Amino acid sequence: MNRFPEPLQAELQTDRKTWRLLAPFSYLDPEQGRLTVPPGFETDFASVPRLPVIFDLVGAYGHAAAALHDWLYRTCLLPREDADRVFFNALRSSGIARWRAWLMWGGVRVGGASRYGAG
């Protein structure tokens, strides 16, 4: 079952750091149901340190899951722990290897607290 019913449509903004969603984007989570990110939402996808090894392992993966996770953190629609669980589920649903999804999930658990609810 495809848990992402619509494709992620985004355009790079002039700051060259963020992307703006051009259309609604949904994920069907097994626990939370349909979660829809509205058009116009801006994301930086995965906020990964630009250290070569770390970025190579996780930086270019899971854009759809990362956009959803950014929106969940910005809106506080779900408690942080639940938002992080949705992120892991979305990564796995989009074909990201379990070990890579686990690394990305671990990164948001360790470094995401200060970003939750900010912005």
N, C-alpha and C. Protein backbone atom coordinates (compact mmCIF):
# COMPACT_ATOMS: atom_id res chain seq x y z
N MET A 1 0.84 -1.20 0.00
CA MET A 1 0.00 0.00 0.00
C MET A 1 0.88 1.25 0.00
N ASN A 2 0.59 2.18 -0.90
CA ASN A 2 1.31 3.44 -0.95
C ASN A 2 0.77 4.35 0.14
N ARG A 3 1.59 4.70 1.09
CA ARG A 3 1.17 5.56 2.19
C ARG A 3 1.31 7.05 1.86
N PHE A 4 1.85 7.36 0.68
CA PHE A 4 1.94 8.74 0.19
C PHE A 4 1.05 8.85 -1.04
N PRO A 5 -0.25 9.19 -0.87
CA PRO A 5 -1.17 9.19 -2.01
C PRO A 5 -0.88 10.26 -3.07
N GLU A 6 -0.26 11.37 -2.69
CA GLU A 6 0.08 12.41 -3.66
C GLU A 6 1.60 12.55 -3.70
N PRO A 7 2.13 12.92 -4.86
CA PRO A 7 3.58 13.15 -4.93
C PRO A 7 3.96 14.44 -4.21
N LEU A 8 5.15 14.47 -3.69
CA LEU A 8 5.69 15.69 -3.08
C LEU A 8 6.05 16.65 -4.21
N GLN A 9 5.43 17.83 -4.20
CA GLN A 9 5.70 18.86 -5.20
C GLN A 9 6.21 20.09 -4.48
N ALA A 10 7.47 20.45 -4.71
CA ALA A 10 8.06 21.58 -4.01
C ALA A 10 9.02 22.31 -4.95
N GLU A 11 9.20 23.60 -4.67
CA GLU A 11 10.16 24.38 -5.45
C GLU A 11 11.16 25.04 -4.51
N LEU A 12 12.41 25.10 -4.97
CA LEU A 12 13.48 25.72 -4.21
C LEU A 12 13.23 27.23 -4.13
N GLN A 13 13.38 27.78 -2.94
CA GLN A 13 13.17 29.21 -2.75
C GLN A 13 14.46 29.99 -3.05
N THR A 14 14.33 31.30 -3.15
CA THR A 14 15.47 32.13 -3.54
C THR A 14 16.59 32.10 -2.50
N ASP A 15 16.28 31.74 -1.26
CA ASP A 15 17.35 31.66 -0.25
C ASP A 15 18.23 30.43 -0.46
N ARG A 16 17.80 29.53 -1.37
CA ARG A 16 18.52 28.31 -1.73
C ARG A 16 18.70 27.36 -0.54
N LYS A 17 17.90 27.55 0.51
CA LYS A 17 17.96 26.67 1.68
C LYS A 17 16.63 25.99 1.96
N THR A 18 15.54 26.61 1.52
CA THR A 18 14.22 26.06 1.82
C THR A 18 13.46 25.76 0.53
N TRP A 19 12.50 24.88 0.70
CA TRP A 19 11.62 24.47 -0.39
C TRP A 19 10.19 24.77 0.04
N ARG A 20 9.36 25.25 -0.91
CA ARG A 20 7.95 25.55 -0.64
C ARG A 20 7.09 24.51 -1.34
N LEU A 21 6.15 23.93 -0.58
CA LEU A 21 5.24 22.95 -1.16
C LEU A 21 4.26 23.65 -2.09
N LEU A 22 4.08 23.07 -3.27
CA LEU A 22 3.20 23.65 -4.29
C LEU A 22 1.79 23.09 -4.24
N ALA A 23 1.62 21.97 -3.57
CA ALA A 23 0.31 21.30 -3.50
C ALA A 23 0.20 20.58 -2.16
N PRO A 24 -1.03 20.27 -1.74
CA PRO A 24 -1.16 19.50 -0.50
C PRO A 24 -0.41 18.18 -0.62
N PHE A 25 0.10 17.71 0.49
CA PHE A 25 0.91 16.51 0.51
C PHE A 25 0.49 15.69 1.73
N SER A 26 0.10 14.44 1.51
CA SER A 26 -0.43 13.61 2.60
C SER A 26 0.40 12.36 2.84
N TYR A 27 0.28 11.88 4.06
CA TYR A 27 0.86 10.60 4.45
C TYR A 27 -0.21 9.86 5.24
N LEU A 28 -0.37 8.58 4.96
CA LEU A 28 -1.34 7.75 5.67
C LEU A 28 -0.59 6.93 6.71
N ASP A 29 -0.61 7.40 7.95
CA ASP A 29 0.11 6.74 9.03
C ASP A 29 -0.74 5.63 9.63
N PRO A 30 -0.15 4.47 9.94
CA PRO A 30 -0.93 3.37 10.49
C PRO A 30 -1.55 3.68 11.85
N GLU A 31 -0.98 4.61 12.61
CA GLU A 31 -1.51 4.95 13.93
C GLU A 31 -2.28 6.27 13.94
N GLN A 32 -1.80 7.28 13.21
CA GLN A 32 -2.37 8.63 13.28
C GLN A 32 -3.36 8.93 12.16
N GLY A 33 -3.46 8.06 11.17
CA GLY A 33 -4.36 8.30 10.04
C GLY A 33 -3.73 9.25 9.04
N ARG A 34 -4.59 9.95 8.28
CA ARG A 34 -4.10 10.86 7.23
C ARG A 34 -3.58 12.14 7.86
N LEU A 35 -2.37 12.49 7.49
CA LEU A 35 -1.74 13.74 7.91
C LEU A 35 -1.44 14.51 6.63
N THR A 36 -1.96 15.73 6.51
CA THR A 36 -1.82 16.50 5.27
C THR A 36 -1.07 17.80 5.53
N VAL A 37 0.01 17.97 4.82
CA VAL A 37 0.80 19.20 4.88
C VAL A 37 0.22 20.14 3.82
N PRO A 38 -0.11 21.39 4.20
CA PRO A 38 -0.75 22.29 3.24
C PRO A 38 0.24 22.88 2.24
N PRO A 39 -0.29 23.30 1.07
CA PRO A 39 0.57 24.01 0.12
C PRO A 39 1.07 25.31 0.76
N GLY A 40 2.24 25.73 0.36
CA GLY A 40 2.83 26.95 0.92
C GLY A 40 3.76 26.69 2.09
N PHE A 41 3.67 25.50 2.69
CA PHE A 41 4.55 25.18 3.81
C PHE A 41 6.00 25.14 3.31
N GLU A 42 6.92 25.70 4.11
CA GLU A 42 8.33 25.70 3.73
C GLU A 42 9.12 24.76 4.62
N THR A 43 10.01 24.01 3.99
CA THR A 43 10.82 23.00 4.67
C THR A 43 12.26 23.07 4.19
N ASP A 44 13.17 22.63 5.03
CA ASP A 44 14.56 22.46 4.58
C ASP A 44 14.87 20.98 4.39
N PHE A 45 13.81 20.16 4.36
CA PHE A 45 13.92 18.71 4.32
C PHE A 45 14.70 18.26 5.55
N ALA A 46 15.68 17.44 5.42
CA ALA A 46 16.40 16.94 6.60
C ALA A 46 17.45 17.96 7.05
N SER A 47 17.33 18.41 8.29
CA SER A 47 18.29 19.37 8.85
C SER A 47 19.49 18.59 9.36
N VAL A 48 20.36 18.25 8.44
CA VAL A 48 21.51 17.40 8.76
C VAL A 48 22.77 18.24 8.75
N PRO A 49 23.63 18.08 9.77
CA PRO A 49 24.91 18.80 9.73
C PRO A 49 25.66 18.49 8.44
N ARG A 50 26.32 19.48 7.90
CA ARG A 50 27.01 19.31 6.62
C ARG A 50 28.39 18.65 6.78
N LEU A 51 28.51 17.79 7.76
CA LEU A 51 29.73 17.01 7.93
C LEU A 51 29.69 15.89 6.90
N PRO A 52 30.73 15.72 6.11
CA PRO A 52 30.67 14.79 4.97
C PRO A 52 30.13 13.40 5.28
N VAL A 53 30.61 12.73 6.28
CA VAL A 53 30.16 11.36 6.54
C VAL A 53 28.69 11.33 6.94
N ILE A 54 28.30 12.21 7.84
CA ILE A 54 26.90 12.23 8.30
C ILE A 54 25.98 12.59 7.15
N PHE A 55 26.32 13.65 6.41
CA PHE A 55 25.45 14.07 5.31
C PHE A 55 25.35 12.99 4.25
N ASP A 56 26.45 12.33 3.95
CA ASP A 56 26.42 11.26 2.94
C ASP A 56 25.52 10.11 3.37
N LEU A 57 25.47 9.82 4.66
CA LEU A 57 24.66 8.70 5.15
C LEU A 57 23.17 9.01 5.15
N VAL A 58 22.79 10.25 5.49
CA VAL A 58 21.36 10.52 5.67
C VAL A 58 20.83 11.78 4.99
N GLY A 59 21.69 12.67 4.50
CA GLY A 59 21.25 13.97 4.03
C GLY A 59 20.39 14.00 2.79
N ALA A 60 20.59 13.07 1.89
CA ALA A 60 19.87 13.12 0.62
C ALA A 60 18.72 12.12 0.55
N TYR A 61 18.25 11.67 1.68
CA TYR A 61 17.22 10.64 1.72
C TYR A 61 15.98 11.13 2.45
N GLY A 62 14.84 10.60 2.05
CA GLY A 62 13.60 10.79 2.81
C GLY A 62 13.02 12.18 2.78
N HIS A 63 13.07 12.86 1.63
CA HIS A 63 12.54 14.23 1.57
C HIS A 63 11.06 14.30 1.95
N ALA A 64 10.27 13.35 1.50
CA ALA A 64 8.84 13.38 1.82
C ALA A 64 8.63 13.24 3.33
N ALA A 65 9.31 12.28 3.94
CA ALA A 65 9.19 12.08 5.38
C ALA A 65 9.71 13.30 6.14
N ALA A 66 10.79 13.90 5.65
CA ALA A 66 11.36 15.07 6.32
C ALA A 66 10.43 16.28 6.25
N ALA A 67 9.79 16.49 5.10
CA ALA A 67 8.84 17.61 4.98
C ALA A 67 7.67 17.42 5.95
N LEU A 68 7.16 16.20 6.02
CA LEU A 68 6.08 15.89 6.96
C LEU A 68 6.53 16.13 8.39
N HIS A 69 7.73 15.66 8.73
CA HIS A 69 8.26 15.82 10.09
C HIS A 69 8.46 17.29 10.44
N ASP A 70 8.98 18.08 9.51
CA ASP A 70 9.13 19.52 9.75
C ASP A 70 7.78 20.16 10.07
N TRP A 71 6.76 19.78 9.31
CA TRP A 71 5.42 20.34 9.53
C TRP A 71 4.88 19.91 10.89
N LEU A 72 5.06 18.65 11.25
CA LEU A 72 4.60 18.18 12.56
C LEU A 72 5.31 18.91 13.69
N TYR A 73 6.59 19.17 13.54
CA TYR A 73 7.33 19.91 14.56
C TYR A 73 6.88 21.36 14.63
N ARG A 74 6.63 21.98 13.48
CA ARG A 74 6.25 23.38 13.47
C ARG A 74 4.85 23.58 14.06
N THR A 75 3.93 22.67 13.75
CA THR A 75 2.54 22.84 14.19
C THR A 75 2.26 22.24 15.56
N CYS A 76 3.11 21.34 16.03
CA CYS A 76 2.88 20.62 17.29
C CYS A 76 1.54 19.89 17.28
N LEU A 77 1.13 19.44 16.11
CA LEU A 77 -0.12 18.69 15.96
C LEU A 77 -0.09 17.43 16.81
N LEU A 78 1.07 16.81 16.91
CA LEU A 78 1.26 15.61 17.72
C LEU A 78 2.35 15.87 18.75
N PRO A 79 2.32 15.15 19.86
CA PRO A 79 3.46 15.24 20.78
C PRO A 79 4.75 14.86 20.05
N ARG A 80 5.85 15.39 20.51
CA ARG A 80 7.14 15.18 19.82
C ARG A 80 7.45 13.70 19.60
N GLU A 81 7.27 12.88 20.59
CA GLU A 81 7.57 11.46 20.45
C GLU A 81 6.74 10.83 19.33
N ASP A 82 5.46 11.20 19.25
CA ASP A 82 4.60 10.68 18.19
C ASP A 82 5.04 11.19 16.82
N ALA A 83 5.42 12.47 16.75
CA ALA A 83 5.89 13.04 15.48
C ALA A 83 7.13 12.30 15.00
N ASP A 84 8.01 11.96 15.92
CA ASP A 84 9.23 11.23 15.55
C ASP A 84 8.90 9.80 15.11
N ARG A 85 7.91 9.19 15.73
CA ARG A 85 7.48 7.84 15.32
C ARG A 85 6.88 7.89 13.91
N VAL A 86 6.07 8.91 13.62
CA VAL A 86 5.51 9.08 12.28
C VAL A 86 6.65 9.24 11.27
N PHE A 87 7.67 10.02 11.63
CA PHE A 87 8.83 10.21 10.76
C PHE A 87 9.48 8.87 10.42
N PHE A 88 9.72 8.05 11.42
CA PHE A 88 10.33 6.73 11.19
C PHE A 88 9.44 5.89 10.28
N ASN A 89 8.13 5.85 10.58
CA ASN A 89 7.20 5.07 9.75
C ASN A 89 7.19 5.57 8.31
N ALA A 90 7.21 6.90 8.14
CA ALA A 90 7.19 7.48 6.79
C ALA A 90 8.49 7.16 6.04
N LEU A 91 9.60 7.19 6.73
CA LEU A 91 10.86 6.81 6.10
C LEU A 91 10.80 5.38 5.60
N ARG A 92 10.35 4.48 6.44
CA ARG A 92 10.28 3.07 6.07
C ARG A 92 9.27 2.87 4.93
N SER A 93 8.15 3.58 4.99
CA SER A 93 7.12 3.46 3.95
C SER A 93 7.62 3.94 2.59
N SER A 94 8.59 4.84 2.60
CA SER A 94 9.11 5.36 1.34
C SER A 94 10.34 4.57 0.86
N GLY A 95 10.61 3.45 1.50
CA GLY A 95 11.67 2.57 1.03
C GLY A 95 13.05 2.82 1.60
N ILE A 96 13.15 3.68 2.59
CA ILE A 96 14.45 3.92 3.22
C ILE A 96 14.82 2.69 4.05
N ALA A 97 16.06 2.26 3.92
CA ALA A 97 16.54 1.08 4.65
C ALA A 97 16.36 1.28 6.16
N ARG A 98 16.07 0.19 6.85
CA ARG A 98 15.82 0.25 8.29
C ARG A 98 16.98 0.92 9.03
N TRP A 99 18.23 0.56 8.70
CA TRP A 99 19.37 1.13 9.42
C TRP A 99 19.47 2.63 9.19
N ARG A 100 19.17 3.09 7.96
CA ARG A 100 19.24 4.52 7.67
C ARG A 100 18.08 5.26 8.35
N ALA A 101 16.89 4.67 8.32
CA ALA A 101 15.74 5.26 9.01
C ALA A 101 16.01 5.36 10.50
N TRP A 102 16.64 4.34 11.06
CA TRP A 102 16.96 4.35 12.48
C TRP A 102 17.94 5.48 12.79
N LEU A 103 18.97 5.67 11.95
CA LEU A 103 19.93 6.76 12.14
C LEU A 103 19.23 8.12 12.10
N MET A 104 18.34 8.29 11.13
CA MET A 104 17.64 9.56 10.99
C MET A 104 16.70 9.79 12.17
N TRP A 105 15.99 8.74 12.60
CA TRP A 105 15.12 8.83 13.76
C TRP A 105 15.95 9.18 15.00
N GLY A 106 17.09 8.51 15.18
CA GLY A 106 17.97 8.80 16.31
C GLY A 106 18.43 10.25 16.31
N GLY A 107 18.71 10.78 15.13
CA GLY A 107 19.13 12.17 15.02
C GLY A 107 18.08 13.14 15.50
N VAL A 108 16.81 12.90 15.14
CA VAL A 108 15.76 13.82 15.59
C VAL A 108 15.45 13.62 17.07
N ARG A 109 15.63 12.41 17.58
CA ARG A 109 15.41 12.19 19.02
C ARG A 109 16.48 12.91 19.83
N VAL A 110 17.72 12.86 19.36
CA VAL A 110 18.83 13.48 20.10
C VAL A 110 18.86 14.99 19.89
N GLY A 111 18.69 15.45 18.65
CA GLY A 111 18.89 16.86 18.36
C GLY A 111 17.66 17.68 18.06
N GLY A 112 16.47 17.08 18.15
CA GLY A 112 15.28 17.79 17.71
C GLY A 112 14.50 18.56 18.76
N ALA A 113 14.80 18.36 20.03
CA ALA A 113 13.98 18.97 21.08
C ALA A 113 13.88 20.48 20.95
N SER A 114 14.99 21.14 20.63
CA SER A 114 14.98 22.60 20.54
C SER A 114 14.21 23.10 19.32
N ARG A 115 13.99 22.24 18.34
CA ARG A 115 13.27 22.63 17.12
C ARG A 115 11.77 22.41 17.23
N TYR A 116 11.35 21.57 18.17
CA TYR A 116 9.93 21.25 18.30
C TYR A 116 9.17 22.50 18.77
N GLY A 117 8.21 22.92 17.97
CA GLY A 117 7.41 24.10 18.31
C GLY A 117 8.06 25.42 17.95
N ALA A 118 9.27 25.39 17.41
CA ALA A 118 9.96 26.63 17.03
C ALA A 118 9.61 27.00 15.60
N GLY A 119 9.30 28.23 15.39
CA GLY A 119 9.09 28.70 14.03
C GLY A 119 7.69 28.80 13.67
